[in-house]
Amino acid sequence: MNDAVSSSTASAIAPDGASIAYTLYAAPLRDGAPARSRIALIHSLALDRSFWNGVVPLLTPHADVLTYDCRGHGQSAKVKMTYTAELFASDLASLLDHVNWPRAVIAGCSMGGCVAQAFAGVYPDRARALAVIDSTAWYGPSAPKDWRERAATAVTKGLAALSAFQATRWVSDGFRDAHSEIVRAHMDVFLANDVDCYRSTCEMLGDADLRHYQASIRMPMSVIVGEEDYAAPVAMSEQIQKAVPGATLSVLPNVRHLTPIECPAVIAEKILELVARAPGI
């Protein structure tokens, strides 16, 4: 991390009273220095802000960065209720208010990519640009059933019953063998989830259809996906890129679903390229 950048960890309160835990990486304001860009990062399902540990140090020399735990995840409130992508977007809007960020470049992976799209749809003036990573606008007609079946497995058999399934989807076999300690750390986060909140989040993803926002998205957008992603296949990213005017698509070779874990340097580079395209601060 840049020596001038410090990190602070705290919680913000969403409008319904839920606490949202976050870490802010920021450089001190200096007279005459240009304002730094601001990037908010949204993690994948059943993980937490540590998801971005490989990416953040590559961004902070160039921008202030905000990571946080979505509600029902990590150190944020374990609220048992119906979740929607728009509710998660509202949490992010409240968090940006809390840290006094009127706008930011928003980047989300998998579930986070769904939240990012909802944020751009509901709060278009607050998203300078959008990075949608390993994600989709709609999982398809069988999604409500498929996601509820996954949630039912977690409820009836425990999250450990999904661990092998998750690990093979998250990253390629070669990465998993070479970096078992990284995969283990994320698996520990996965296994520590509140099962009821996991079920609510699975239901949210199964029901989510964000396609109606696409025609109105006007900020720069970068769509990024792993070539071997079979959780959110390349075709889902192609649909987003084709539907959003001016969106770009990058297909990363030889990687699977969670590219910020498997190739953080590439993801950081793509996000910084997007920052350079974004208007204003």
C-alpha atoms as a PDB file:
ATOM      1  CA  MET A   1       0.000   0.000   0.000  1.00  0.00           C
ATOM      2  CA  ASN A   2       1.145   3.561  -0.726  1.00  0.00           C
ATOM      3  CA  ASP A   3       2.862   5.026   2.364  1.00  0.00           C
ATOM      4  CA  ALA A   4       0.571   8.083   2.198  1.00  0.00           C
ATOM      5  CA  VAL A   5      -2.559   5.944   2.361  1.00  0.00           C
ATOM      6  CA  SER A   6      -4.055   4.961   5.691  1.00  0.00           C
ATOM      7  CA  SER A   7      -6.936   2.610   6.419  1.00  0.00           C
ATOM      8  CA  SER A   8      -9.793   3.048   8.870  1.00  0.00           C
ATOM      9  CA  THR A   9     -12.398   0.462   9.796  1.00  0.00           C
ATOM     10  CA  ALA A  10     -15.821   1.335  11.187  1.00  0.00           C
ATOM     11  CA  SER A  11     -19.551   0.818  10.639  1.00  0.00           C
ATOM     12  CA  ALA A  12     -22.266   2.897   9.032  1.00  0.00           C
ATOM     13  CA  ILE A  13     -25.986   2.630   9.705  1.00  0.00           C
ATOM     14  CA  ALA A  14     -28.418   1.937   6.878  1.00  0.00           C
ATOM     15  CA  PRO A  15     -31.859   3.644   6.891  1.00  0.00           C
ATOM     16  CA  ASP A  16     -33.487   0.573   8.480  1.00  0.00           C
ATOM     17  CA  GLY A  17     -30.901   0.525  11.277  1.00  0.00           C
ATOM     18  CA  ALA A  18     -28.705  -2.267   9.899  1.00  0.00           C
ATOM     19  CA  SER A  19     -24.992  -1.770  10.505  1.00  0.00           C
ATOM     20  CA  ILE A  20     -22.661  -1.985   7.515  1.00  0.00           C
ATOM     21  CA  ALA A  21     -19.010  -2.682   8.332  1.00  0.00           C
ATOM     22  CA  TYR A  22     -16.423  -1.086   6.067  1.00  0.00           C
ATOM     23  CA  THR A  23     -12.777  -0.217   5.553  1.00  0.00           C
ATOM     24  CA  LEU A  24     -11.750   3.055   3.935  1.00  0.00           C
ATOM     25  CA  TYR A  25      -8.309   3.417   2.369  1.00  0.00           C
ATOM     26  CA  ALA A  26      -7.577   7.090   1.785  1.00  0.00           C
ATOM     27  CA  ALA A  27      -4.709   9.523   1.394  1.00  0.00           C
ATOM     28  CA  PRO A  28      -4.733  12.748   3.402  1.00  0.00           C
ATOM     29  CA  LEU A  29      -5.868  15.884   1.608  1.00  0.00           C
ATOM     30  CA  ARG A  30      -2.923  18.096   0.663  1.00  0.00           C
ATOM     31  CA  ASP A  31      -3.117  21.747  -0.388  1.00  0.00           C
ATOM     32  CA  GLY A  32      -2.637  22.053  -4.115  1.00  0.00           C
ATOM     33  CA  ALA A  33      -2.721  18.296  -4.731  1.00  0.00           C
ATOM     34  CA  PRO A  34      -5.262  17.045  -7.268  1.00  0.00           C
ATOM     35  CA  ALA A  35      -8.281  15.245  -5.858  1.00  0.00           C
ATOM     36  CA  ARG A  36      -7.979  11.473  -5.965  1.00  0.00           C
ATOM     37  CA  SER A  37     -10.529   9.242  -7.633  1.00  0.00           C
ATOM     38  CA  ARG A  38     -12.762   7.129  -5.413  1.00  0.00           C
ATOM     39  CA  ILE A  39     -13.531   3.451  -5.941  1.00  0.00           C
ATOM     40  CA  ALA A  40     -16.121   1.371  -4.047  1.00  0.00           C
ATOM     41  CA  LEU A  41     -15.749  -2.428  -4.251  1.00  0.00           C
ATOM     42  CA  ILE A  42     -18.594  -4.922  -3.699  1.00  0.00           C
ATOM     43  CA  HIS A  43     -17.747  -8.556  -2.898  1.00  0.00           C
ATOM     44  CA  SER A  44     -19.183 -11.873  -4.052  1.00  0.00           C
ATOM     45  CA  LEU A  45     -21.871 -14.019  -2.410  1.00  0.00           C
ATOM     46  CA  ALA A  46     -21.033 -15.436   1.041  1.00  0.00           C
ATOM     47  CA  LEU A  47     -17.638 -13.732   1.181  1.00  0.00           C
ATOM     48  CA  ASP A  48     -16.677 -10.384   2.703  1.00  0.00           C
ATOM     49  CA  ARG A  49     -14.497  -7.331   2.067  1.00  0.00           C
ATOM     50  CA  SER A  50     -11.340  -9.466   2.405  1.00  0.00           C
ATOM     51  CA  PHE A  51     -12.332 -10.712  -1.057  1.00  0.00           C
ATOM     52  CA  TRP A  52     -10.518  -7.629  -2.409  1.00  0.00           C
ATOM     53  CA  ASN A  53      -7.269  -8.038  -0.458  1.00  0.00           C
ATOM     54  CA  GLY A  54      -5.233  -8.770  -3.567  1.00  0.00           C
ATOM     55  CA  VAL A  55      -6.690  -5.846  -5.517  1.00  0.00           C
ATOM     56  CA  VAL A  56      -6.757  -3.011  -2.975  1.00  0.00           C
ATOM     57  CA  PRO A  57      -2.949  -2.483  -2.658  1.00  0.00           C
ATOM     58  CA  LEU A  58      -2.762  -2.100  -6.433  1.00  0.00           C
ATOM     59  CA  LEU A  59      -5.481   0.575  -6.460  1.00  0.00           C
ATOM     60  CA  THR A  60      -4.549   2.706  -3.463  1.00  0.00           C
ATOM     61  CA  PRO A  61      -1.476   4.364  -5.048  1.00  0.00           C
ATOM     62  CA  HIS A  62      -3.921   5.868  -7.549  1.00  0.00           C
ATOM     63  CA  ALA A  63      -7.285   6.243  -5.783  1.00  0.00           C
ATOM     64  CA  ASP A  64      -9.082   6.143  -2.456  1.00  0.00           C
ATOM     65  CA  VAL A  65     -10.828   2.791  -1.997  1.00  0.00           C
ATOM     66  CA  LEU A  66     -13.854   1.671   0.010  1.00  0.00           C
ATOM     67  CA  THR A  67     -14.516  -1.992   0.789  1.00  0.00           C
ATOM     68  CA  TYR A  68     -17.390  -3.241   2.916  1.00  0.00           C
ATOM     69  CA  ASP A  69     -19.387  -6.267   4.008  1.00  0.00           C
ATOM     70  CA  CYS A  70     -22.816  -6.419   2.418  1.00  0.00           C
ATOM     71  CA  ARG A  71     -25.678  -6.893   4.871  1.00  0.00           C
ATOM     72  CA  GLY A  72     -25.946 -10.485   6.003  1.00  0.00           C
ATOM     73  CA  HIS A  73     -22.215 -10.940   5.394  1.00  0.00           C
ATOM     74  CA  GLY A  74     -18.992 -10.592   7.359  1.00  0.00           C
ATOM     75  CA  GLN A  75     -19.194  -8.103  10.207  1.00  0.00           C
ATOM     76  CA  SER A  76     -22.331  -6.364   8.925  1.00  0.00           C
ATOM     77  CA  ALA A  77     -25.770  -6.875  10.440  1.00  0.00           C
ATOM     78  CA  LYS A  78     -27.255 -10.351  10.027  1.00  0.00           C
ATOM     79  CA  VAL A  79     -30.737  -9.122   9.212  1.00  0.00           C
ATOM     80  CA  LYS A  80     -33.182 -11.931   8.453  1.00  0.00           C
ATOM     81  CA  MET A  81     -35.523 -10.468   5.851  1.00  0.00           C
ATOM     82  CA  THR A  82     -36.222 -10.428   2.134  1.00  0.00           C
ATOM     83  CA  TYR A  83     -33.192  -9.109   0.286  1.00  0.00           C
ATOM     84  CA  THR A  84     -33.151  -7.359  -3.079  1.00  0.00           C
ATOM     85  CA  ALA A  85     -30.339  -5.968  -5.188  1.00  0.00           C
ATOM     86  CA  GLU A  86     -31.942  -2.553  -4.752  1.00  0.00           C
ATOM     87  CA  LEU A  87     -31.811  -2.894  -0.954  1.00  0.00           C
ATOM     88  CA  PHE A  88     -28.111  -3.716  -1.152  1.00  0.00           C
ATOM     89  CA  ALA A  89     -27.659  -0.700  -3.470  1.00  0.00           C
ATOM     90  CA  SER A  90     -29.395   1.477  -0.885  1.00  0.00           C
ATOM     91  CA  ASP A  91     -26.942   0.244   1.742  1.00  0.00           C
ATOM     92  CA  LEU A  92     -24.083   1.354  -0.490  1.00  0.00           C
ATOM     93  CA  ALA A  93     -25.681   4.764  -1.029  1.00  0.00           C
ATOM     94  CA  SER A  94     -25.959   5.213   2.752  1.00  0.00           C
ATOM     95  CA  LEU A  95     -22.349   4.132   3.172  1.00  0.00           C
ATOM     96  CA  LEU A  96     -21.177   6.653   0.569  1.00  0.00           C
ATOM     97  CA  ASP A  97     -23.095   9.341   2.468  1.00  0.00           C
ATOM     98  CA  HIS A  98     -21.397   8.236   5.678  1.00  0.00           C
ATOM     99  CA  VAL A  99     -17.889   8.612   4.230  1.00  0.00           C
ATOM    100  CA  ASN A 100     -18.828  11.840   2.403  1.00  0.00           C
ATOM    101  CA  TRP A 101     -18.409  10.481  -1.097  1.00  0.00           C
ATOM    102  CA  PRO A 102     -21.002  12.083  -3.413  1.00  0.00           C
ATOM    103  CA  ARG A 103     -19.890   9.807  -6.275  1.00  0.00           C
ATOM    104  CA  ALA A 104     -17.563   6.907  -6.914  1.00  0.00           C
ATOM    105  CA  VAL A 105     -16.478   4.373  -9.473  1.00  0.00           C
ATOM    106  CA  ILE A 106     -18.421   1.245  -8.497  1.00  0.00           C
ATOM    107  CA  ALA A 107     -16.936  -2.217  -9.064  1.00  0.00           C
ATOM    108  CA  GLY A 108     -18.665  -5.431  -8.063  1.00  0.00           C
ATOM    109  CA  CYS A 109     -17.939  -9.110  -8.587  1.00  0.00           C
ATOM    110  CA  SER A 110     -20.611 -11.807  -9.023  1.00  0.00           C
ATOM    111  CA  MET A 111     -23.289 -10.838  -6.469  1.00  0.00           C
ATOM    112  CA  GLY A 112     -21.453  -7.524  -6.205  1.00  0.00           C
ATOM    113  CA  GLY A 113     -21.863  -7.034  -9.939  1.00  0.00           C
ATOM    114  CA  CYS A 114     -25.623  -7.403  -9.560  1.00  0.00           C
ATOM    115  CA  VAL A 115     -25.604  -4.828  -6.762  1.00  0.00           C
ATOM    116  CA  ALA A 116     -23.457  -2.507  -8.885  1.00  0.00           C
ATOM    117  CA  GLN A 117     -25.978  -2.672 -11.727  1.00  0.00           C
ATOM    118  CA  ALA A 118     -28.847  -1.943  -9.349  1.00  0.00           C
ATOM    119  CA  PHE A 119     -26.872   0.967  -7.897  1.00  0.00           C
ATOM    120  CA  ALA A 120     -26.303   2.435 -11.369  1.00  0.00           C
ATOM    121  CA  GLY A 121     -29.997   2.030 -12.142  1.00  0.00           C
ATOM    122  CA  VAL A 122     -31.319   3.578  -8.933  1.00  0.00           C
ATOM    123  CA  TYR A 123     -28.548   6.143  -8.279  1.00  0.00           C
ATOM    124  CA  PRO A 124     -27.221   7.009 -11.755  1.00  0.00           C
ATOM    125  CA  ASP A 125     -25.762  10.352 -10.668  1.00  0.00           C
ATOM    126  CA  ARG A 126     -23.640   8.683  -7.980  1.00  0.00           C
ATOM    127  CA  ALA A 127     -21.847   6.159 -10.183  1.00  0.00           C
ATOM    128  CA  ARG A 128     -18.996   7.748 -12.149  1.00  0.00           C
ATOM    129  CA  ALA A 129     -18.381   4.436 -13.877  1.00  0.00           C
ATOM    130  CA  LEU A 130     -19.283   0.786 -13.432  1.00  0.00           C
ATOM    131  CA  ALA A 131     -17.185  -2.391 -13.442  1.00  0.00           C
ATOM    132  CA  VAL A 132     -19.327  -5.529 -13.602  1.00  0.00           C
ATOM    133  CA  ILE A 133     -17.078  -8.515 -12.955  1.00  0.00           C
ATOM    134  CA  ASP A 134     -17.999 -12.215 -13.332  1.00  0.00           C
ATOM    135  CA  SER A 135     -21.672 -11.359 -13.077  1.00  0.00           C
ATOM    136  CA  THR A 136     -25.003 -11.182 -14.863  1.00  0.00           C
ATOM    137  CA  ALA A 137     -28.121  -9.073 -15.149  1.00  0.00           C
ATOM    138  CA  TRP A 138     -30.334 -12.190 -14.990  1.00  0.00           C
ATOM    139  CA  TYR A 139     -29.543 -15.807 -14.251  1.00  0.00           C
ATOM    140  CA  GLY A 140     -32.360 -17.076 -16.454  1.00  0.00           C
ATOM    141  CA  PRO A 141     -35.834 -18.609 -16.133  1.00  0.00           C
ATOM    142  CA  SER A 142     -34.758 -21.516 -13.925  1.00  0.00           C
ATOM    143  CA  ALA A 143     -32.850 -19.269 -11.512  1.00  0.00           C
ATOM    144  CA  PRO A 144     -35.481 -18.952  -8.765  1.00  0.00           C
ATOM    145  CA  LYS A 145     -35.687 -22.739  -8.480  1.00  0.00           C
ATOM    146  CA  ASP A 146     -31.944 -23.339  -8.865  1.00  0.00           C
ATOM    147  CA  TRP A 147     -30.910 -20.796  -6.253  1.00  0.00           C
ATOM    148  CA  ARG A 148     -33.514 -21.993  -3.782  1.00  0.00           C
ATOM    149  CA  GLU A 149     -32.244 -25.540  -4.178  1.00  0.00           C
ATOM    150  CA  ARG A 150     -28.725 -24.364  -3.363  1.00  0.00           C
ATOM    151  CA  ALA A 151     -30.018 -22.501  -0.309  1.00  0.00           C
ATOM    152  CA  ALA A 152     -31.959 -25.578   0.809  1.00  0.00           C
ATOM    153  CA  THR A 153     -28.784 -27.653   0.678  1.00  0.00           C
ATOM    154  CA  ALA A 154     -27.060 -25.150   2.962  1.00  0.00           C
ATOM    155  CA  VAL A 155     -29.982 -25.116   5.382  1.00  0.00           C
ATOM    156  CA  THR A 156     -30.456 -28.884   5.562  1.00  0.00           C
ATOM    157  CA  LYS A 157     -26.840 -30.110   5.233  1.00  0.00           C
ATOM    158  CA  GLY A 158     -24.782 -27.091   6.289  1.00  0.00           C
ATOM    159  CA  LEU A 159     -22.562 -24.796   4.275  1.00  0.00           C
ATOM    160  CA  ALA A 160     -19.769 -27.377   4.371  1.00  0.00           C
ATOM    161  CA  ALA A 161     -21.837 -29.500   1.986  1.00  0.00           C
ATOM    162  CA  LEU A 162     -21.260 -26.802  -0.657  1.00  0.00           C
ATOM    163  CA  SER A 163     -17.552 -26.249  -0.047  1.00  0.00           C
ATOM    164  CA  ALA A 164     -16.190 -28.483  -2.815  1.00  0.00           C
ATOM    165  CA  PHE A 165     -18.798 -27.148  -5.258  1.00  0.00           C
ATOM    166  CA  GLN A 166     -17.798 -23.567  -4.436  1.00  0.00           C
ATOM    167  CA  ALA A 167     -14.042 -24.079  -4.569  1.00  0.00           C
ATOM    168  CA  THR A 168     -14.122 -25.622  -8.037  1.00  0.00           C
ATOM    169  CA  ARG A 169     -16.282 -22.771  -9.352  1.00  0.00           C
ATOM    170  CA  TRP A 170     -14.337 -19.959  -7.708  1.00  0.00           C
ATOM    171  CA  VAL A 171     -10.904 -20.538  -9.257  1.00  0.00           C
ATOM    172  CA  SER A 172      -9.107 -22.795 -11.720  1.00  0.00           C
ATOM    173  CA  ASP A 173      -7.629 -26.093 -10.602  1.00  0.00           C
ATOM    174  CA  GLY A 174      -4.103 -24.807 -11.144  1.00  0.00           C
ATOM    175  CA  PHE A 175      -4.643 -21.737  -8.972  1.00  0.00           C
ATOM    176  CA  ARG A 176      -6.301 -23.794  -6.249  1.00  0.00           C
ATOM    177  CA  ASP A 177      -3.329 -26.159  -6.138  1.00  0.00           C
ATOM    178  CA  ALA A 178      -0.726 -23.400  -6.195  1.00  0.00           C
ATOM    179  CA  HIS A 179      -2.458 -21.047  -3.748  1.00  0.00           C
ATOM    180  CA  SER A 180      -4.320 -23.324  -1.364  1.00  0.00           C
ATOM    181  CA  GLU A 181      -3.839 -20.866   1.510  1.00  0.00           C
ATOM    182  CA  ILE A 182      -5.758 -18.142  -0.364  1.00  0.00           C
ATOM    183  CA  VAL A 183      -8.615 -20.495  -1.222  1.00  0.00           C
ATOM    184  CA  ARG A 184      -8.674 -21.758   2.372  1.00  0.00           C
ATOM    185  CA  ALA A 185      -8.946 -18.230   3.746  1.00  0.00           C
ATOM    186  CA  HIS A 186     -11.954 -17.498   1.558  1.00  0.00           C
ATOM    187  CA  MET A 187     -13.477 -20.872   2.360  1.00  0.00           C
ATOM    188  CA  ASP A 188     -13.234 -20.048   6.066  1.00  0.00           C
ATOM    189  CA  VAL A 189     -15.239 -16.887   5.388  1.00  0.00           C
ATOM    190  CA  PHE A 190     -17.780 -18.891   3.401  1.00  0.00           C
ATOM    191  CA  LEU A 191     -18.246 -21.480   6.140  1.00  0.00           C
ATOM    192  CA  ALA A 192     -18.745 -18.784   8.800  1.00  0.00           C
ATOM    193  CA  ASN A 193     -21.838 -17.383   7.084  1.00  0.00           C
ATOM    194  CA  ASP A 194     -25.203 -17.159   8.790  1.00  0.00           C
ATOM    195  CA  VAL A 195     -27.265 -19.788   6.963  1.00  0.00           C
ATOM    196  CA  ASP A 196     -30.513 -17.808   7.075  1.00  0.00           C
ATOM    197  CA  CYS A 197     -28.799 -14.787   5.541  1.00  0.00           C
ATOM    198  CA  TYR A 198     -27.176 -17.026   2.941  1.00  0.00           C
ATOM    199  CA  ARG A 199     -30.610 -18.353   2.029  1.00  0.00           C
ATOM    200  CA  SER A 200     -32.016 -14.820   1.713  1.00  0.00           C
ATOM    201  CA  THR A 201     -29.128 -13.783  -0.516  1.00  0.00           C
ATOM    202  CA  CYS A 202     -29.500 -16.852  -2.732  1.00  0.00           C
ATOM    203  CA  GLU A 203     -33.183 -16.046  -3.127  1.00  0.00           C
ATOM    204  CA  MET A 204     -32.275 -12.459  -4.027  1.00  0.00           C
ATOM    205  CA  LEU A 205     -29.947 -13.627  -6.798  1.00  0.00           C
ATOM    206  CA  GLY A 206     -32.450 -16.138  -8.094  1.00  0.00           C
ATOM    207  CA  ASP A 207     -35.150 -13.494  -8.344  1.00  0.00           C
ATOM    208  CA  ALA A 208     -32.970 -10.648  -9.626  1.00  0.00           C
ATOM    209  CA  ASP A 209     -33.612  -9.333 -13.121  1.00  0.00           C
ATOM    210  CA  LEU A 210     -31.688  -6.117 -13.720  1.00  0.00           C
ATOM    211  CA  ARG A 211     -32.115  -5.956 -17.468  1.00  0.00           C
ATOM    212  CA  HIS A 212     -34.643  -3.122 -17.259  1.00  0.00           C
ATOM    213  CA  TYR A 213     -31.886  -0.782 -16.054  1.00  0.00           C
ATOM    214  CA  GLN A 214     -29.588  -1.423 -19.000  1.00  0.00           C
ATOM    215  CA  ALA A 215     -30.976   0.991 -21.576  1.00  0.00           C
ATOM    216  CA  SER A 216     -30.715   3.912 -19.151  1.00  0.00           C
ATOM    217  CA  ILE A 217     -27.123   3.275 -18.003  1.00  0.00           C
ATOM    218  CA  ARG A 218     -24.968   6.035 -19.481  1.00  0.00           C
ATOM    219  CA  MET A 219     -21.801   6.044 -17.379  1.00  0.00           C
ATOM    220  CA  PRO A 220     -18.715   4.227 -18.683  1.00  0.00           C
ATOM    221  CA  MET A 221     -19.008   0.488 -18.052  1.00  0.00           C
ATOM    222  CA  SER A 222     -16.413  -2.264 -18.156  1.00  0.00           C
ATOM    223  CA  VAL A 223     -17.676  -5.852 -18.196  1.00  0.00           C
ATOM    224  CA  ILE A 224     -15.065  -8.425 -17.199  1.00  0.00           C
ATOM    225  CA  VAL A 225     -15.364 -12.213 -17.028  1.00  0.00           C
ATOM    226  CA  GLY A 226     -13.191 -15.296 -16.841  1.00  0.00           C
ATOM    227  CA  GLU A 227     -13.126 -17.444 -19.942  1.00  0.00           C
ATOM    228  CA  GLU A 228     -13.815 -20.580 -17.869  1.00  0.00           C
ATOM    229  CA  ASP A 229     -16.539 -19.059 -15.683  1.00  0.00           C
ATOM    230  CA  TYR A 230     -19.400 -21.527 -15.529  1.00  0.00           C
ATOM    231  CA  ALA A 231     -21.176 -19.833 -12.603  1.00  0.00           C
ATOM    232  CA  ALA A 232     -21.853 -16.727 -14.703  1.00  0.00           C
ATOM    233  CA  PRO A 233     -20.824 -17.806 -18.208  1.00  0.00           C
ATOM    234  CA  VAL A 234     -19.315 -15.465 -20.780  1.00  0.00           C
ATOM    235  CA  ALA A 235     -22.665 -15.232 -22.582  1.00  0.00           C
ATOM    236  CA  MET A 236     -24.133 -13.422 -19.564  1.00  0.00           C
ATOM    237  CA  SER A 237     -21.402 -10.785 -19.740  1.00  0.00           C
ATOM    238  CA  GLU A 238     -21.893 -10.517 -23.497  1.00  0.00           C
ATOM    239  CA  GLN A 239     -25.571  -9.757 -22.912  1.00  0.00           C
ATOM    240  CA  ILE A 240     -24.694  -6.873 -20.580  1.00  0.00           C
ATOM    241  CA  GLN A 241     -22.066  -5.462 -22.939  1.00  0.00           C
ATOM    242  CA  LYS A 242     -24.437  -5.550 -25.905  1.00  0.00           C
ATOM    243  CA  ALA A 243     -27.335  -4.002 -23.980  1.00  0.00           C
ATOM    244  CA  VAL A 244     -25.483  -1.081 -22.371  1.00  0.00           C
ATOM    245  CA  PRO A 245     -24.421   1.655 -24.786  1.00  0.00           C
ATOM    246  CA  GLY A 246     -20.641   2.038 -24.918  1.00  0.00           C
ATOM    247  CA  ALA A 247     -19.867  -0.841 -22.539  1.00  0.00           C
ATOM    248  CA  THR A 248     -16.644  -2.760 -23.116  1.00  0.00           C
ATOM    249  CA  LEU A 249     -16.062  -6.489 -22.589  1.00  0.00           C
ATOM    250  CA  SER A 250     -12.878  -8.233 -21.458  1.00  0.00           C
ATOM    251  CA  VAL A 251     -12.720 -12.041 -21.403  1.00  0.00           C
ATOM    252  CA  LEU A 252      -9.784 -13.196 -19.297  1.00  0.00           C
ATOM    253  CA  PRO A 253      -8.206 -16.486 -20.444  1.00  0.00           C
ATOM    254  CA  ASN A 254      -7.743 -19.560 -18.259  1.00  0.00           C
ATOM    255  CA  VAL A 255      -9.573 -18.257 -15.180  1.00  0.00           C
ATOM    256  CA  ARG A 256     -12.924 -19.081 -13.606  1.00  0.00           C
ATOM    257  CA  HIS A 257     -15.562 -17.254 -11.620  1.00  0.00           C
ATOM    258  CA  LEU A 258     -13.791 -15.066  -9.067  1.00  0.00           C
ATOM    259  CA  THR A 259     -11.193 -13.255 -11.125  1.00  0.00           C
ATOM    260  CA  PRO A 260     -10.290 -10.714  -8.381  1.00  0.00           C
ATOM    261  CA  ILE A 261      -8.976 -13.671  -6.365  1.00  0.00           C
ATOM    262  CA  GLU A 262      -7.306 -15.484  -9.256  1.00  0.00           C
ATOM    263  CA  CYS A 263      -5.784 -12.526 -11.134  1.00  0.00           C
ATOM    264  CA  PRO A 264      -5.943  -9.408  -8.926  1.00  0.00           C
ATOM    265  CA  ALA A 265      -3.357  -7.488 -10.948  1.00  0.00           C
ATOM    266  CA  VAL A 266      -5.423  -7.797 -14.116  1.00  0.00           C
ATOM    267  CA  ILE A 267      -8.599  -6.739 -12.315  1.00  0.00           C
ATOM    268  CA  ALA A 268      -6.844  -3.744 -10.741  1.00  0.00           C
ATOM    269  CA  GLU A 269      -5.554  -2.730 -14.168  1.00  0.00           C
ATOM    270  CA  LYS A 270      -9.038  -2.981 -15.683  1.00  0.00           C
ATOM    271  CA  ILE A 271     -10.559  -0.917 -12.869  1.00  0.00           C
ATOM    272  CA  LEU A 272      -7.898   1.777 -13.239  1.00  0.00           C
ATOM    273  CA  GLU A 273      -8.482   1.866 -16.999  1.00  0.00           C
ATOM    274  CA  LEU A 274     -12.153   2.447 -16.217  1.00  0.00           C
ATOM    275  CA  VAL A 275     -11.283   5.215 -13.732  1.00  0.00           C
ATOM    276  CA  ALA A 276      -9.364   6.956 -16.507  1.00  0.00           C
ATOM    277  CA  ARG A 277     -12.493   6.889 -18.682  1.00  0.00           C
ATOM    278  CA  ALA A 278     -14.779   8.238 -15.963  1.00  0.00           C
ATOM    279  CA  PRO A 279     -15.778  11.917 -16.013  1.00  0.00           C
ATOM    280  CA  GLY A 280     -15.209  14.181 -13.018  1.00  0.00           C
ATOM    281  CA  ILE A 281     -14.110  13.102  -9.553  1.00  0.00           C
END
